[in-house]
């Protein structure tokens, strides 16, 4: 009695694996995209929270002499934050990592 698989069995398994991969890979790419957007969104909220805590602890808004209400800072892992601080009740944070973007604001 021979042990092993026939050519037909191997081909059937190969077709099943290829079909599953063809379905799974696009879905996986969608998950990566949504996760990256969520990471940017959470980073924006964290930066906004840090700014609010700074203002509450120090009693003032940090200013840039070149541009009084917009700031650009570089965060770890290639994220860039654009801050728009009008006063302590109106702050907007936009986080970008090249492709994806997150947004957080307080006030209107």
Protein backbone atom coordinates (compact mmCIF):
# COMPACT_ATOMS: atom_id res chain seq x y z
CA UNK A 1 0.00 0.00 0.00
CA UNK A 2 1.44 3.37 -1.05
CA UNK A 3 1.40 6.33 1.30
CA UNK A 4 1.10 9.91 0.12
CA UNK A 5 -1.19 12.21 -1.81
CA UNK A 6 -2.32 11.99 -5.38
CA UNK A 7 -1.81 14.83 -7.81
CA UNK A 8 -5.54 15.58 -7.82
CA UNK A 9 -5.62 15.93 -4.03
CA UNK A 10 -2.66 18.29 -4.07
CA UNK A 11 -4.27 20.41 -6.82
CA UNK A 12 -7.60 20.60 -4.96
CA UNK A 13 -5.86 21.76 -1.78
CA UNK A 14 -3.81 24.30 -3.78
CA UNK A 15 -6.95 25.76 -5.36
CA UNK A 16 -8.64 26.03 -1.95
CA UNK A 17 -5.63 27.78 -0.40
CA UNK A 18 -5.33 30.18 -3.37
CA UNK A 19 -9.04 31.04 -3.14
CA UNK A 20 -8.80 31.74 0.59
CA UNK A 21 -5.71 33.92 0.04
CA UNK A 22 -7.45 35.87 -2.74
CA UNK A 23 -10.29 36.69 -0.34
CA UNK A 24 -8.17 37.32 2.77
CA UNK A 25 -5.47 39.63 1.37
CA UNK A 26 -7.78 42.52 0.28
CA UNK A 27 -9.66 42.28 3.58
CA UNK A 28 -6.36 42.40 5.47
CA UNK A 29 -5.28 45.52 3.56
CA UNK A 30 -8.54 47.21 4.60
CA UNK A 31 -7.82 46.39 8.24
CA UNK A 32 -4.36 47.94 7.99
CA UNK A 33 -5.80 51.14 6.51
CA UNK A 34 -8.50 51.48 9.17
CA UNK A 35 -6.02 50.73 11.94
CA UNK A 36 -3.60 53.39 10.67
CA UNK A 37 -6.40 55.97 10.60
CA UNK A 38 -7.34 55.04 14.17
CA UNK A 39 -3.72 55.33 15.33
CA UNK A 40 -3.55 58.85 13.88
CA UNK A 41 -6.89 59.71 15.51
CA UNK A 42 -5.77 58.46 18.93
CA UNK A 43 -2.44 60.27 18.57
CA UNK A 44 -4.31 63.51 17.83
CA UNK A 45 -6.41 63.06 20.96
CA UNK A 46 -3.27 62.37 23.03
CA UNK A 47 -1.55 65.52 21.72
CA UNK A 48 -4.69 67.58 22.38
CA UNK A 49 -4.88 66.20 25.91
CA UNK A 50 -1.21 67.06 26.50
CA UNK A 51 -1.76 70.63 25.31
CA UNK A 52 -4.79 71.05 27.57
CA UNK A 53 -2.83 69.71 30.56
CA UNK A 54 0.06 72.08 29.75
CA UNK A 55 -2.31 75.05 29.62
CA UNK A 56 -4.01 74.05 32.88
CA UNK A 57 -0.69 73.52 34.70
CA UNK A 58 1.11 76.62 33.37
CA UNK A 59 -1.75 79.03 32.80
CA UNK A 60 -0.68 80.10 29.31
CA UNK A 61 -0.60 78.93 25.72
CA UNK A 62 2.87 78.42 24.24
CA UNK A 63 3.44 80.74 21.29
CA UNK A 64 5.70 80.67 18.28
CA UNK A 65 7.07 84.12 17.43
CA UNK A 66 6.93 83.37 13.68
CA UNK A 67 3.33 82.18 13.63
CA UNK A 68 1.20 82.97 16.65
CA UNK A 69 -1.59 80.44 16.24
CA UNK A 70 -0.17 77.52 14.21
CA UNK A 71 2.51 75.08 15.26
CA UNK A 72 4.18 72.16 13.53
CA UNK A 73 5.90 69.56 15.66
CA UNK A 74 7.47 66.23 14.78
CA UNK A 75 6.42 63.21 16.79
CA UNK A 76 8.13 59.81 17.01
CA UNK A 77 7.62 57.27 14.21
CA UNK A 78 7.25 59.87 11.47
CA UNK A 79 4.01 61.48 12.67
CA UNK A 80 3.61 65.22 12.17
CA UNK A 81 1.22 67.30 14.24
CA UNK A 82 -0.28 70.58 13.07
CA UNK A 83 -1.70 72.56 15.97
CA UNK A 84 -4.06 75.48 15.74
CA UNK A 85 -4.39 77.20 19.11
CA UNK A 86 -6.74 80.19 19.18
CA UNK A 87 -7.26 80.24 22.94
CA UNK A 88 -7.48 77.67 25.71
CA UNK A 89 -11.02 76.73 24.65
CA UNK A 90 -10.38 76.50 20.88
CA UNK A 91 -7.63 74.06 19.94
CA UNK A 92 -7.37 71.87 16.84
CA UNK A 93 -4.85 69.07 16.30
CA UNK A 94 -4.26 67.31 12.97
CA UNK A 95 -1.93 64.31 12.94
CA UNK A 96 -0.45 62.94 9.71
CA UNK A 97 1.91 60.05 9.01
CA UNK A 98 2.31 60.48 5.28
CA UNK A 99 -0.86 58.78 4.04
CA UNK A 100 -3.22 58.70 7.01
CA UNK A 101 -4.65 61.57 9.03
CA UNK A 102 -6.30 61.98 12.44
CA UNK A 103 -8.17 64.98 13.79
CA UNK A 104 -9.12 66.19 17.29
CA UNK A 105 -10.48 69.50 18.48
CA UNK A 106 -11.88 71.27 21.49
CA UNK A 107 -14.20 74.23 21.05
CA UNK A 108 -15.60 75.46 17.75
